[in-house]
């Protein structure tokens, strides 16, 4: 059974930074497109960032551009989300997701993903 385990969430003041990690196991990591999503209670889950299997192509939601950076380490089977200049509206549960195969940057936010982590809470205080 594939496992995606997120970590790194927590409470931070506005303007601060957090680095989320998602460790994957029981899959051939370098054959998966990886992404981060977030969800606030009562709202739909939204795409934050995605990265193709080699790490050469990334894409971001408008809300994340210029502040968040997605990266991956295929040796460690881990994907990261560096979040800087955090705002209260970034408060959400953050999920990582995996999709088999190469997905172009233009489609990372719309394709269905095969596996999901359990989520990690990020709370940004004003």
PDB file of N, CA and C in Angstrom:
ATOM      1  N   UNK A   1       0.834  -1.186   0.000  1.00  0.00           N
ATOM      2  CA  UNK A   1       0.000   0.000   0.000  1.00  0.00           C
ATOM      3  C   UNK A   1       0.875   1.244   0.000  1.00  0.00           C
ATOM      4  N   UNK A   2       0.598   2.149  -0.933  1.00  0.00           N
ATOM      5  CA  UNK A   2       1.366   3.380  -1.041  1.00  0.00           C
ATOM      6  C   UNK A   2       1.080   4.266   0.163  1.00  0.00           C
ATOM      7  N   UNK A   3       2.142   4.863   0.689  1.00  0.00           N
ATOM      8  CA  UNK A   3       1.999   5.797   1.798  1.00  0.00           C
ATOM      9  C   UNK A   3       2.610   7.134   1.429  1.00  0.00           C
ATOM     10  N   UNK A   4       1.879   8.200   1.711  1.00  0.00           N
ATOM     11  CA  UNK A   4       2.390   9.560   1.615  1.00  0.00           C
ATOM     12  C   UNK A   4       2.202  10.177   2.994  1.00  0.00           C
ATOM     13  N   UNK A   5       3.298  10.602   3.598  1.00  0.00           N
ATOM     14  CA  UNK A   5       3.239  11.124   4.955  1.00  0.00           C
ATOM     15  C   UNK A   5       3.785  12.544   4.978  1.00  0.00           C
ATOM     16  N   UNK A   6       2.901  13.500   5.258  1.00  0.00           N
ATOM     17  CA  UNK A   6       3.305  14.901   5.329  1.00  0.00           C
ATOM     18  C   UNK A   6       3.798  15.248   6.730  1.00  0.00           C
ATOM     19  N   UNK A   7       4.675  16.224   6.778  1.00  0.00           N
ATOM     20  CA  UNK A   7       5.158  16.757   8.046  1.00  0.00           C
ATOM     21  C   UNK A   7       5.593  18.199   7.834  1.00  0.00           C
ATOM     22  N   UNK A   8       5.827  18.889   8.939  1.00  0.00           N
ATOM     23  CA  UNK A   8       6.347  20.246   8.850  1.00  0.00           C
ATOM     24  C   UNK A   8       5.333  21.343   9.075  1.00  0.00           C
ATOM     25  N   UNK A   9       4.071  20.973   9.220  1.00  0.00           N
ATOM     26  CA  UNK A   9       3.063  21.985   9.486  1.00  0.00           C
ATOM     27  C   UNK A   9       3.204  22.536  10.901  1.00  0.00           C
ATOM     28  N   UNK A  10       2.434  23.577  11.179  1.00  0.00           N
ATOM     29  CA  UNK A  10       2.474  24.166  12.504  1.00  0.00           C
ATOM     30  C   UNK A  10       1.888  25.546  12.517  1.00  0.00           C
ATOM     31  N   UNK A  11       2.155  26.259  13.600  1.00  0.00           N
ATOM     32  CA  UNK A  11       1.672  27.613  13.794  1.00  0.00           C
ATOM     33  C   UNK A  11       2.812  28.588  13.551  1.00  0.00           C
ATOM     34  N   UNK A  12       2.550  29.588  12.722  1.00  0.00           N
ATOM     35  CA  UNK A  12       3.572  30.580  12.405  1.00  0.00           C
ATOM     36  C   UNK A  12       2.903  31.940  12.288  1.00  0.00           C
ATOM     37  N   UNK A  13       3.651  32.985  12.576  1.00  0.00           N
ATOM     38  CA  UNK A  13       3.118  34.335  12.426  1.00  0.00           C
ATOM     39  C   UNK A  13       3.153  34.757  10.964  1.00  0.00           C
ATOM     40  N   UNK A  14       2.277  35.671  10.630  1.00  0.00           N
ATOM     41  CA  UNK A  14       2.269  36.210   9.275  1.00  0.00           C
ATOM     42  C   UNK A  14       3.649  36.754   8.928  1.00  0.00           C
ATOM     43  N   UNK A  15       4.066  36.463   7.701  1.00  0.00           N
ATOM     44  CA  UNK A  15       5.392  36.849   7.254  1.00  0.00           C
ATOM     45  C   UNK A  15       6.451  35.790   7.479  1.00  0.00           C
ATOM     46  N   UNK A  16       6.113  34.776   8.247  1.00  0.00           N
ATOM     47  CA  UNK A  16       7.064  33.714   8.536  1.00  0.00           C
ATOM     48  C   UNK A  16       7.122  32.659   7.444  1.00  0.00           C
ATOM     49  N   UNK A  17       7.875  31.620   7.724  1.00  0.00           N
ATOM     50  CA  UNK A  17       8.109  30.550   6.746  1.00  0.00           C
ATOM     51  C   UNK A  17       7.905  29.184   7.375  1.00  0.00           C
ATOM     52  N   UNK A  18       7.533  28.252   6.530  1.00  0.00           N
ATOM     53  CA  UNK A  18       7.459  26.844   6.907  1.00  0.00           C
ATOM     54  C   UNK A  18       7.917  26.014   5.721  1.00  0.00           C
ATOM     55  N   UNK A  19       8.463  24.857   6.016  1.00  0.00           N
ATOM     56  CA  UNK A  19       8.826  23.905   4.975  1.00  0.00           C
ATOM     57  C   UNK A  19       8.097  22.603   5.231  1.00  0.00           C
ATOM     58  N   UNK A  20       7.214  22.263   4.324  1.00  0.00           N
ATOM     59  CA  UNK A  20       6.493  21.005   4.414  1.00  0.00           C
ATOM     60  C   UNK A  20       7.258  19.915   3.678  1.00  0.00           C
ATOM     61  N   UNK A  21       7.177  18.711   4.210  1.00  0.00           N
ATOM     62  CA  UNK A  21       7.782  17.553   3.570  1.00  0.00           C
ATOM     63  C   UNK A  21       6.726  16.477   3.377  1.00  0.00           C
ATOM     64  N   UNK A  22       6.892  15.691   2.356  1.00  0.00           N
ATOM     65  CA  UNK A  22       6.004  14.559   2.109  1.00  0.00           C
ATOM     66  C   UNK A  22       6.876  13.381   1.705  1.00  0.00           C
ATOM     67  N   UNK A  23       6.946  12.412   2.579  1.00  0.00           N
ATOM     68  CA  UNK A  23       7.753  11.225   2.323  1.00  0.00           C
ATOM     69  C   UNK A  23       6.872  10.132   1.732  1.00  0.00           C
ATOM     70  N   UNK A  24       7.302   9.611   0.602  1.00  0.00           N
ATOM     71  CA  UNK A  24       6.536   8.576  -0.091  1.00  0.00           C
ATOM     72  C   UNK A  24       7.201   7.223   0.080  1.00  0.00           C
ATOM     73  N   UNK A  25       6.390   6.211   0.166  1.00  0.00           N
ATOM     74  CA  UNK A  25       6.922   4.854   0.250  1.00  0.00           C
ATOM     75  C   UNK A  25       6.020   3.910  -0.544  1.00  0.00           C
ATOM     76  N   UNK A  26       6.632   2.799  -0.945  1.00  0.00           N
ATOM     77  CA  UNK A  26       5.927   1.739  -1.681  1.00  0.00           C
ATOM     78  C   UNK A  26       5.438   2.209  -3.040  1.00  0.00           C
ATOM     79  N   UNK A  27       6.201   3.088  -3.663  1.00  0.00           N
ATOM     80  CA  UNK A  27       5.950   3.434  -5.051  1.00  0.00           C
ATOM     81  C   UNK A  27       7.280   3.804  -5.687  1.00  0.00           C
ATOM     82  N   UNK A  28       7.316   3.742  -6.999  1.00  0.00           N
ATOM     83  CA  UNK A  28       8.513   4.142  -7.743  1.00  0.00           C
ATOM     84  C   UNK A  28       8.445   5.651  -7.894  1.00  0.00           C
ATOM     85  N   UNK A  29       9.007   6.341  -6.927  1.00  0.00           N
ATOM     86  CA  UNK A  29       8.780   7.774  -6.753  1.00  0.00           C
ATOM     87  C   UNK A  29       9.099   8.577  -7.999  1.00  0.00           C
ATOM     88  N   UNK A  30      10.187   8.238  -8.678  1.00  0.00           N
ATOM     89  CA  UNK A  30      10.622   9.049  -9.815  1.00  0.00           C
ATOM     90  C   UNK A  30       9.763   8.846 -11.057  1.00  0.00           C
ATOM     91  N   UNK A  31       8.692   8.089 -10.921  1.00  0.00           N
ATOM     92  CA  UNK A  31       7.737   7.933 -12.024  1.00  0.00           C
ATOM     93  C   UNK A  31       6.417   8.632 -11.730  1.00  0.00           C
ATOM     94  N   UNK A  32       6.418   9.418 -10.664  1.00  0.00           N
ATOM     95  CA  UNK A  32       5.196  10.084 -10.268  1.00  0.00           C
ATOM     96  C   UNK A  32       5.335  11.597 -10.324  1.00  0.00           C
ATOM     97  N   UNK A  33       4.317  12.233 -10.865  1.00  0.00           N
ATOM     98  CA  UNK A  33       4.143  13.666 -10.689  1.00  0.00           C
ATOM     99  C   UNK A  33       3.620  13.884  -9.278  1.00  0.00           C
ATOM    100  N   UNK A  34       4.173  14.870  -8.594  1.00  0.00           N
ATOM    101  CA  UNK A  34       3.784  15.155  -7.215  1.00  0.00           C
ATOM    102  C   UNK A  34       3.185  16.556  -7.121  1.00  0.00           C
ATOM    103  N   UNK A  35       2.289  16.722  -6.173  1.00  0.00           N
ATOM    104  CA  UNK A  35       1.633  18.022  -6.028  1.00  0.00           C
ATOM    105  C   UNK A  35       1.265  18.262  -4.578  1.00  0.00           C
ATOM    106  N   UNK A  36       1.065  19.526  -4.265  1.00  0.00           N
ATOM    107  CA  UNK A  36       0.532  19.950  -2.980  1.00  0.00           C
ATOM    108  C   UNK A  36      -0.823  20.613  -3.220  1.00  0.00           C
ATOM    109  N   UNK A  37      -1.765  20.267  -2.356  1.00  0.00           N
ATOM    110  CA  UNK A  37      -3.086  20.879  -2.329  1.00  0.00           C
ATOM    111  C   UNK A  37      -3.333  21.388  -0.918  1.00  0.00           C
ATOM    112  N   UNK A  38      -4.353  22.210  -0.766  1.00  0.00           N
ATOM    113  CA  UNK A  38      -4.740  22.641   0.567  1.00  0.00           C
ATOM    114  C   UNK A  38      -6.254  22.755   0.650  1.00  0.00           C
ATOM    115  N   UNK A  39      -6.756  22.667   1.861  1.00  0.00           N
ATOM    116  CA  UNK A  39      -8.204  22.726   2.053  1.00  0.00           C
ATOM    117  C   UNK A  39      -8.539  23.401   3.373  1.00  0.00           C
ATOM    118  N   UNK A  40      -9.492  24.292   3.289  1.00  0.00           N
ATOM    119  CA  UNK A  40     -10.048  24.963   4.455  1.00  0.00           C
ATOM    120  C   UNK A  40     -11.426  24.372   4.713  1.00  0.00           C
ATOM    121  N   UNK A  41     -11.794  24.163   5.965  1.00  0.00           N
ATOM    122  CA  UNK A  41     -13.122  23.588   6.252  1.00  0.00           C
ATOM    123  C   UNK A  41     -14.233  24.363   5.551  1.00  0.00           C
ATOM    124  N   UNK A  42     -15.108  23.612   4.892  1.00  0.00           N
ATOM    125  CA  UNK A  42     -16.229  24.228   4.208  1.00  0.00           C
ATOM    126  C   UNK A  42     -15.926  24.680   2.798  1.00  0.00           C
ATOM    127  N   UNK A  43     -14.672  24.522   2.370  1.00  0.00           N
ATOM    128  CA  UNK A  43     -14.294  24.907   1.015  1.00  0.00           C
ATOM    129  C   UNK A  43     -13.716  23.729   0.276  1.00  0.00           C
ATOM    130  N   UNK A  44     -13.692  23.832  -1.038  1.00  0.00           N
ATOM    131  CA  UNK A  44     -13.116  22.769  -1.849  1.00  0.00           C
ATOM    132  C   UNK A  44     -11.589  22.765  -1.721  1.00  0.00           C
ATOM    133  N   UNK A  45     -11.040  21.587  -1.886  1.00  0.00           N
ATOM    134  CA  UNK A  45      -9.590  21.478  -1.888  1.00  0.00           C
ATOM    135  C   UNK A  45      -9.040  22.197  -3.115  1.00  0.00           C
ATOM    136  N   UNK A  46      -7.960  22.922  -2.947  1.00  0.00           N
ATOM    137  CA  UNK A  46      -7.392  23.669  -4.064  1.00  0.00           C
ATOM    138  C   UNK A  46      -5.935  23.305  -4.294  1.00  0.00           C
ATOM    139  N   UNK A  47      -5.577  23.348  -5.554  1.00  0.00           N
ATOM    140  CA  UNK A  47      -4.207  23.065  -5.987  1.00  0.00           C
ATOM    141  C   UNK A  47      -3.293  24.197  -5.538  1.00  0.00           C
ATOM    142  N   UNK A  48      -2.104  23.825  -5.065  1.00  0.00           N
ATOM    143  CA  UNK A  48      -1.113  24.820  -4.664  1.00  0.00           C
ATOM    144  C   UNK A  48       0.095  24.810  -5.595  1.00  0.00           C
ATOM    145  N   UNK A  49       0.676  23.617  -5.798  1.00  0.00           N
ATOM    146  CA  UNK A  49       1.884  23.528  -6.622  1.00  0.00           C
ATOM    147  C   UNK A  49       2.064  22.091  -7.092  1.00  0.00           C
ATOM    148  N   UNK A  50       2.749  21.940  -8.227  1.00  0.00           N
ATOM    149  CA  UNK A  50       3.017  20.615  -8.754  1.00  0.00           C
ATOM    150  C   UNK A  50       4.410  20.540  -9.351  1.00  0.00           C
ATOM    151  N   UNK A  51       4.952  19.325  -9.425  1.00  0.00           N
ATOM    152  CA  UNK A  51       6.300  19.125  -9.956  1.00  0.00           C
ATOM    153  C   UNK A  51       6.344  17.808 -10.697  1.00  0.00           C
ATOM    154  N   UNK A  52       6.914  17.844 -11.908  1.00  0.00           N
ATOM    155  CA  UNK A  52       6.967  16.616 -12.670  1.00  0.00           C
ATOM    156  C   UNK A  52       8.097  15.721 -12.183  1.00  0.00           C
ATOM    157  N   UNK A  53       8.156  14.497 -12.718  1.00  0.00           N
ATOM    158  CA  UNK A  53       8.946  13.462 -12.049  1.00  0.00           C
ATOM    159  C   UNK A  53      10.445  13.740 -11.961  1.00  0.00           C
ATOM    160  N   UNK A  54      10.981  14.501 -12.893  1.00  0.00           N
ATOM    161  CA  UNK A  54      12.411  14.802 -12.822  1.00  0.00           C
ATOM    162  C   UNK A  54      12.694  16.070 -12.021  1.00  0.00           C
ATOM    163  N   UNK A  55      11.645  16.807 -11.716  1.00  0.00           N
ATOM    164  CA  UNK A  55      11.819  18.088 -11.042  1.00  0.00           C
ATOM    165  C   UNK A  55      12.086  19.235 -11.984  1.00  0.00           C
ATOM    166  N   UNK A  56      12.106  18.958 -13.270  1.00  0.00           N
ATOM    167  CA  UNK A  56      12.451  19.997 -14.231  1.00  0.00           C
ATOM    168  C   UNK A  56      11.333  20.965 -14.543  1.00  0.00           C
ATOM    169  N   UNK A  57      10.117  20.608 -14.229  1.00  0.00           N
ATOM    170  CA  UNK A  57       8.979  21.469 -14.543  1.00  0.00           C
ATOM    171  C   UNK A  57       8.078  21.585 -13.322  1.00  0.00           C
ATOM    172  N   UNK A  58       7.723  22.800 -13.007  1.00  0.00           N
ATOM    173  CA  UNK A  58       6.846  23.050 -11.870  1.00  0.00           C
ATOM    174  C   UNK A  58       5.741  24.015 -12.273  1.00  0.00           C
ATOM    175  N   UNK A  59       4.695  24.026 -11.479  1.00  0.00           N
ATOM    176  CA  UNK A  59       3.631  24.994 -11.705  1.00  0.00           C
ATOM    177  C   UNK A  59       3.021  25.366 -10.359  1.00  0.00           C
ATOM    178  N   UNK A  60       2.477  26.570 -10.287  1.00  0.00           N
ATOM    179  CA  UNK A  60       1.961  27.091  -9.044  1.00  0.00           C
ATOM    180  C   UNK A  60       0.606  27.752  -9.250  1.00  0.00           C
ATOM    181  N   UNK A  61      -0.216  27.675  -8.229  1.00  0.00           N
ATOM    182  CA  UNK A  61      -1.419  28.485  -8.213  1.00  0.00           C
ATOM    183  C   UNK A  61      -1.015  29.953  -8.094  1.00  0.00           C
ATOM    184  N   UNK A  62      -1.848  30.829  -8.560  1.00  0.00           N
ATOM    185  CA  UNK A  62      -1.538  32.253  -8.484  1.00  0.00           C
ATOM    186  C   UNK A  62      -1.267  32.681  -7.045  1.00  0.00           C
ATOM    187  N   UNK A  63      -1.972  32.091  -6.101  1.00  0.00           N
ATOM    188  CA  UNK A  63      -1.812  32.464  -4.690  1.00  0.00           C
ATOM    189  C   UNK A  63      -0.458  32.074  -4.133  1.00  0.00           C
ATOM    190  N   UNK A  64       0.222  31.143  -4.815  1.00  0.00           N
ATOM    191  CA  UNK A  64       1.504  30.636  -4.325  1.00  0.00           C
ATOM    192  C   UNK A  64       2.702  31.210  -5.072  1.00  0.00           C
ATOM    193  N   UNK A  65       2.469  31.761  -6.231  1.00  0.00           N
ATOM    194  CA  UNK A  65       3.581  32.244  -7.057  1.00  0.00           C
ATOM    195  C   UNK A  65       4.381  33.313  -6.337  1.00  0.00           C
ATOM    196  N   UNK A  66       5.702  33.155  -6.384  1.00  0.00           N
ATOM    197  CA  UNK A  66       6.592  34.129  -5.782  1.00  0.00           C
ATOM    198  C   UNK A  66       6.816  33.938  -4.296  1.00  0.00           C
ATOM    199  N   UNK A  67       6.017  33.090  -3.656  1.00  0.00           N
ATOM    200  CA  UNK A  67       6.168  32.861  -2.214  1.00  0.00           C
ATOM    201  C   UNK A  67       6.480  31.403  -1.879  1.00  0.00           C
ATOM    202  N   UNK A  68       5.930  30.478  -2.651  1.00  0.00           N
ATOM    203  CA  UNK A  68       6.114  29.048  -2.387  1.00  0.00           C
ATOM    204  C   UNK A  68       7.031  28.437  -3.436  1.00  0.00           C
ATOM    205  N   UNK A  69       7.787  27.415  -3.028  1.00  0.00           N
ATOM    206  CA  UNK A  69       8.637  26.684  -3.944  1.00  0.00           C
ATOM    207  C   UNK A  69       8.479  25.190  -3.697  1.00  0.00           C
ATOM    208  N   UNK A  70       8.126  24.475  -4.743  1.00  0.00           N
ATOM    209  CA  UNK A  70       8.031  23.022  -4.649  1.00  0.00           C
ATOM    210  C   UNK A  70       9.318  22.415  -5.189  1.00  0.00           C
ATOM    211  N   UNK A  71       9.775  21.369  -4.545  1.00  0.00           N
ATOM    212  CA  UNK A  71      10.971  20.666  -4.995  1.00  0.00           C
ATOM    213  C   UNK A  71      10.843  19.199  -4.603  1.00  0.00           C
ATOM    214  N   UNK A  72      11.740  18.397  -5.132  1.00  0.00           N
ATOM    215  CA  UNK A  72      11.693  16.976  -4.815  1.00  0.00           C
ATOM    216  C   UNK A  72      13.088  16.395  -4.770  1.00  0.00           C
ATOM    217  N   UNK A  73      13.217  15.333  -3.997  1.00  0.00           N
ATOM    218  CA  UNK A  73      14.467  14.584  -3.907  1.00  0.00           C
ATOM    219  C   UNK A  73      14.097  13.146  -4.237  1.00  0.00           C
ATOM    220  N   UNK A  74      14.410  12.723  -5.444  1.00  0.00           N
ATOM    221  CA  UNK A  74      14.012  11.383  -5.870  1.00  0.00           C
ATOM    222  C   UNK A  74      14.805  10.286  -5.168  1.00  0.00           C
ATOM    223  N   UNK A  75      15.948  10.614  -4.612  1.00  0.00           N
ATOM    224  CA  UNK A  75      16.703   9.620  -3.839  1.00  0.00           C
ATOM    225  C   UNK A  75      16.008   9.357  -2.508  1.00  0.00           C
ATOM    226  N   UNK A  76      15.500  10.409  -1.914  1.00  0.00           N
ATOM    227  CA  UNK A  76      14.817  10.283  -0.630  1.00  0.00           C
ATOM    228  C   UNK A  76      13.320  10.034  -0.777  1.00  0.00           C
ATOM    229  N   UNK A  77      12.832  10.043  -2.011  1.00  0.00           N
ATOM    230  CA  UNK A  77      11.387   9.855  -2.257  1.00  0.00           C
ATOM    231  C   UNK A  77      10.565  10.848  -1.462  1.00  0.00           C
ATOM    232  N   UNK A  78      10.986  12.090  -1.537  1.00  0.00           N
ATOM    233  CA  UNK A  78      10.349  13.140  -0.749  1.00  0.00           C
ATOM    234  C   UNK A  78      10.098  14.364  -1.620  1.00  0.00           C
ATOM    235  N   UNK A  79       8.945  14.975  -1.418  1.00  0.00           N
ATOM    236  CA  UNK A  79       8.628  16.236  -2.067  1.00  0.00           C
ATOM    237  C   UNK A  79       8.478  17.294  -0.970  1.00  0.00           C
ATOM    238  N   UNK A  80       8.890  18.504  -1.287  1.00  0.00           N
ATOM    239  CA  UNK A  80       8.902  19.583  -0.317  1.00  0.00           C
ATOM    240  C   UNK A  80       8.059  20.758  -0.826  1.00  0.00           C
ATOM    241  N   UNK A  81       7.597  21.546   0.127  1.00  0.00           N
ATOM    242  CA  UNK A  81       6.964  22.817  -0.202  1.00  0.00           C
ATOM    243  C   UNK A  81       7.517  23.865   0.758  1.00  0.00           C
ATOM    244  N   UNK A  82       8.386  24.715   0.235  1.00  0.00           N
ATOM    245  CA  UNK A  82       8.918  25.829   1.011  1.00  0.00           C
ATOM    246  C   UNK A  82       7.944  26.984   0.898  1.00  0.00           C
ATOM    247  N   UNK A  83       7.442  27.430   2.024  1.00  0.00           N
ATOM    248  CA  UNK A  83       6.446  28.504   2.037  1.00  0.00           C
ATOM    249  C   UNK A  83       7.027  29.708   2.779  1.00  0.00           C
ATOM    250  N   UNK A  84       7.163  30.807   2.071  1.00  0.00           N
ATOM    251  CA  UNK A  84       7.679  32.044   2.639  1.00  0.00           C
ATOM    252  C   UNK A  84       6.608  33.127   2.613  1.00  0.00           C
ATOM    253  N   UNK A  85       6.845  34.168   3.373  1.00  0.00           N
ATOM    254  CA  UNK A  85       5.914  35.307   3.421  1.00  0.00           C
ATOM    255  C   UNK A  85       4.476  34.832   3.635  1.00  0.00           C
ATOM    256  N   UNK A  86       4.304  33.982   4.602  1.00  0.00           N
ATOM    257  CA  UNK A  86       2.997  33.381   4.826  1.00  0.00           C
ATOM    258  C   UNK A  86       1.975  34.421   5.275  1.00  0.00           C
ATOM    259  N   UNK A  87       0.741  34.191   4.845  1.00  0.00           N
ATOM    260  CA  UNK A  87      -0.369  35.080   5.151  1.00  0.00           C
ATOM    261  C   UNK A  87      -1.444  34.301   5.906  1.00  0.00           C
ATOM    262  N   UNK A  88      -2.282  34.981   6.663  1.00  0.00           N
ATOM    263  CA  UNK A  88      -3.367  34.263   7.361  1.00  0.00           C
ATOM    264  C   UNK A  88      -4.242  33.449   6.409  1.00  0.00           C
ATOM    265  N   UNK A  89      -4.416  33.917   5.196  1.00  0.00           N
ATOM    266  CA  UNK A  89      -5.245  33.181   4.233  1.00  0.00           C
ATOM    267  C   UNK A  89      -4.580  31.911   3.725  1.00  0.00           C
ATOM    268  N   UNK A  90      -3.327  31.673   4.099  1.00  0.00           N
ATOM    269  CA  UNK A  90      -2.675  30.400   3.773  1.00  0.00           C
ATOM    270  C   UNK A  90      -3.033  29.307   4.777  1.00  0.00           C
ATOM    271  N   UNK A  91      -3.723  29.669   5.836  1.00  0.00           N
ATOM    272  CA  UNK A  91      -4.134  28.697   6.840  1.00  0.00           C
ATOM    273  C   UNK A  91      -5.025  27.633   6.210  1.00  0.00           C
ATOM    274  N   UNK A  92      -4.623  26.377   6.367  1.00  0.00           N
ATOM    275  CA  UNK A  92      -5.347  25.264   5.753  1.00  0.00           C
ATOM    276  C   UNK A  92      -4.672  23.962   6.164  1.00  0.00           C
ATOM    277  N   UNK A  93      -5.326  22.871   5.816  1.00  0.00           N
ATOM    278  CA  UNK A  93      -4.665  21.568   5.867  1.00  0.00           C
ATOM    279  C   UNK A  93      -4.014  21.359   4.506  1.00  0.00           C
ATOM    280  N   UNK A  94      -2.748  21.037   4.508  1.00  0.00           N
ATOM    281  CA  UNK A  94      -1.991  20.846   3.276  1.00  0.00           C
ATOM    282  C   UNK A  94      -1.790  19.349   3.037  1.00  0.00           C
ATOM    283  N   UNK A  95      -2.090  18.946   1.812  1.00  0.00           N
ATOM    284  CA  UNK A  95      -1.999  17.550   1.414  1.00  0.00           C
ATOM    285  C   UNK A  95      -1.009  17.390   0.260  1.00  0.00           C
ATOM    286  N   UNK A  96      -0.241  16.325   0.292  1.00  0.00           N
ATOM    287  CA  UNK A  96       0.520  15.992  -0.902  1.00  0.00           C
ATOM    288  C   UNK A  96      -0.207  14.887  -1.656  1.00  0.00           C
ATOM    289  N   UNK A  97       0.044  14.838  -2.943  1.00  0.00           N
ATOM    290  CA  UNK A  97      -0.638  13.893  -3.812  1.00  0.00           C
ATOM    291  C   UNK A  97       0.321  13.391  -4.876  1.00  0.00           C
ATOM    292  N   UNK A  98       0.077  12.181  -5.353  1.00  0.00           N
ATOM    293  CA  UNK A  98       0.934  11.550  -6.355  1.00  0.00           C
ATOM    294  C   UNK A  98       0.095  11.057  -7.517  1.00  0.00           C
ATOM    295  N   UNK A  99       0.645  11.291  -8.714  1.00  0.00           N
ATOM    296  CA  UNK A  99      -0.044  10.840  -9.924  1.00  0.00           C
ATOM    297  C   UNK A  99       0.987  10.134 -10.796  1.00  0.00           C
ATOM    298  N   UNK A 100       0.689   8.911 -11.210  1.00  0.00           N
ATOM    299  CA  UNK A 100       1.632   8.141 -12.018  1.00  0.00           C
ATOM    300  C   UNK A 100       1.824   8.804 -13.375  1.00  0.00           C
ATOM    301  N   UNK A 101       3.078   8.837 -13.821  1.00  0.00           N
ATOM    302  CA  UNK A 101       3.374   9.311 -15.162  1.00  0.00           C
ATOM    303  C   UNK A 101       3.732  10.777 -15.229  1.00  0.00           C
ATOM    304  N   UNK A 102       4.149  11.162 -16.427  1.00  0.00           N
ATOM    305  CA  UNK A 102       4.488  12.558 -16.671  1.00  0.00           C
ATOM    306  C   UNK A 102       3.222  13.354 -16.936  1.00  0.00           C
ATOM    307  N   UNK A 103       3.057  14.439 -16.224  1.00  0.00           N
ATOM    308  CA  UNK A 103       1.938  15.350 -16.433  1.00  0.00           C
ATOM    309  C   UNK A 103       2.522  16.715 -16.748  1.00  0.00           C
ATOM    310  N   UNK A 104       2.068  17.329 -17.804  1.00  0.00           N
ATOM    311  CA  UNK A 104       2.586  18.644 -18.148  1.00  0.00           C
ATOM    312  C   UNK A 104       2.181  19.658 -17.087  1.00  0.00           C
ATOM    313  N   UNK A 105       2.963  20.694 -16.987  1.00  0.00           N
ATOM    314  CA  UNK A 105       2.691  21.728 -15.991  1.00  0.00           C
ATOM    315  C   UNK A 105       1.296  22.317 -16.162  1.00  0.00           C
ATOM    316  N   UNK A 106       0.844  22.380 -17.414  1.00  0.00           N
ATOM    317  CA  UNK A 106      -0.449  22.991 -17.692  1.00  0.00           C
ATOM    318  C   UNK A 106      -1.616  22.161 -17.174  1.00  0.00           C
ATOM    319  N   UNK A 107      -1.362  20.894 -16.879  1.00  0.00           N
ATOM    320  CA  UNK A 107      -2.463  20.013 -16.471  1.00  0.00           C
ATOM    321  C   UNK A 107      -2.365  19.546 -15.027  1.00  0.00           C
ATOM    322  N   UNK A 108      -1.299  19.912 -14.329  1.00  0.00           N
ATOM    323  CA  UNK A 108      -1.082  19.390 -12.979  1.00  0.00           C
ATOM    324  C   UNK A 108      -2.208  19.769 -12.025  1.00  0.00           C
ATOM    325  N   UNK A 109      -2.861  20.882 -12.293  1.00  0.00           N
ATOM    326  CA  UNK A 109      -3.894  21.323 -11.363  1.00  0.00           C
ATOM    327  C   UNK A 109      -5.259  20.720 -11.667  1.00  0.00           C
ATOM    328  N   UNK A 110      -5.393  19.989 -12.753  1.00  0.00           N
ATOM    329  CA  UNK A 110      -6.719  19.492 -13.135  1.00  0.00           C
ATOM    330  C   UNK A 110      -6.823  17.975 -13.227  1.00  0.00           C
ATOM    331  N   UNK A 111      -5.707  17.278 -13.318  1.00  0.00           N
ATOM    332  CA  UNK A 111      -5.774  15.820 -13.427  1.00  0.00           C
ATOM    333  C   UNK A 111      -6.113  15.208 -12.085  1.00  0.00           C
ATOM    334  N   UNK A 112      -6.753  14.057 -12.091  1.00  0.00           N
ATOM    335  CA  UNK A 112      -6.977  13.348 -10.821  1.00  0.00           C
ATOM    336  C   UNK A 112      -5.681  12.724 -10.338  1.00  0.00           C
ATOM    337  N   UNK A 113      -5.487  12.686  -9.035  1.00  0.00           N
ATOM    338  CA  UNK A 113      -4.290  12.103  -8.451  1.00  0.00           C
ATOM    339  C   UNK A 113      -4.609  10.723  -7.877  1.00  0.00           C
ATOM    340  N   UNK A 114      -3.606   9.864  -7.895  1.00  0.00           N
ATOM    341  CA  UNK A 114      -3.811   8.472  -7.505  1.00  0.00           C
ATOM    342  C   UNK A 114      -3.749   8.257  -5.999  1.00  0.00           C
ATOM    343  N   UNK A 115      -2.876   8.982  -5.335  1.00  0.00           N
ATOM    344  CA  UNK A 115      -2.649   8.774  -3.908  1.00  0.00           C
ATOM    345  C   UNK A 115      -2.585  10.117  -3.186  1.00  0.00           C
ATOM    346  N   UNK A 116      -3.033  10.082  -1.933  1.00  0.00           N
ATOM    347  CA  UNK A 116      -3.070  11.278  -1.100  1.00  0.00           C
ATOM    348  C   UNK A 116      -2.513  10.987   0.281  1.00  0.00           C
ATOM    349  N   UNK A 117      -1.867  11.993   0.858  1.00  0.00           N
ATOM    350  CA  UNK A 117      -1.447  11.891   2.238  1.00  0.00           C
ATOM    351  C   UNK A 117      -2.582  12.246   3.178  1.00  0.00           C
ATOM    352  N   UNK A 118      -2.277  12.205   4.461  1.00  0.00           N
ATOM    353  CA  UNK A 118      -3.292  12.454   5.476  1.00  0.00           C
ATOM    354  C   UNK A 118      -3.437  13.938   5.808  1.00  0.00           C
ATOM    355  N   UNK A 119      -2.481  14.730   5.368  1.00  0.00           N
ATOM    356  CA  UNK A 119      -2.551  16.168   5.580  1.00  0.00           C
ATOM    357  C   UNK A 119      -1.784  16.649   6.792  1.00  0.00           C
ATOM    358  N   UNK A 120      -1.349  17.899   6.718  1.00  0.00           N
ATOM    359  CA  UNK A 120      -0.684  18.545   7.839  1.00  0.00           C
ATOM    360  C   UNK A 120      -1.252  19.958   7.972  1.00  0.00           C
ATOM    361  N   UNK A 121      -1.548  20.361   9.193  1.00  0.00           N
ATOM    362  CA  UNK A 121      -2.186  21.645   9.444  1.00  0.00           C
ATOM    363  C   UNK A 121      -1.163  22.770   9.426  1.00  0.00           C
ATOM    364  N   UNK A 122      -1.479  23.809   8.683  1.00  0.00           N
ATOM    365  CA  UNK A 122      -0.698  25.039   8.694  1.00  0.00           C
ATOM    366  C   UNK A 122      -1.615  26.157   9.174  1.00  0.00           C
ATOM    367  N   UNK A 123      -1.196  26.840  10.212  1.00  0.00           N
ATOM    368  CA  UNK A 123      -1.965  27.954  10.763  1.00  0.00           C
ATOM    369  C   UNK A 123      -1.084  29.192  10.800  1.00  0.00           C
ATOM    370  N   UNK A 124      -1.547  30.241  10.161  1.00  0.00           N
ATOM    371  CA  UNK A 124      -0.796  31.495  10.105  1.00  0.00           C
ATOM    372  C   UNK A 124      -1.580  32.536  10.886  1.00  0.00           C
ATOM    373  N   UNK A 125      -0.967  33.053  11.929  1.00  0.00           N
ATOM    374  CA  UNK A 125      -1.639  34.050  12.768  1.00  0.00           C
ATOM    375  C   UNK A 125      -1.295  35.451  12.285  1.00  0.00           C
ATOM    376  N   UNK A 126      -2.237  36.346  12.470  1.00  0.00           N
ATOM    377  CA  UNK A 126      -2.029  37.725  12.010  1.00  0.00           C
ATOM    378  C   UNK A 126      -1.380  38.577  13.079  1.00  0.00           C
TER     379      UNK A 126
END
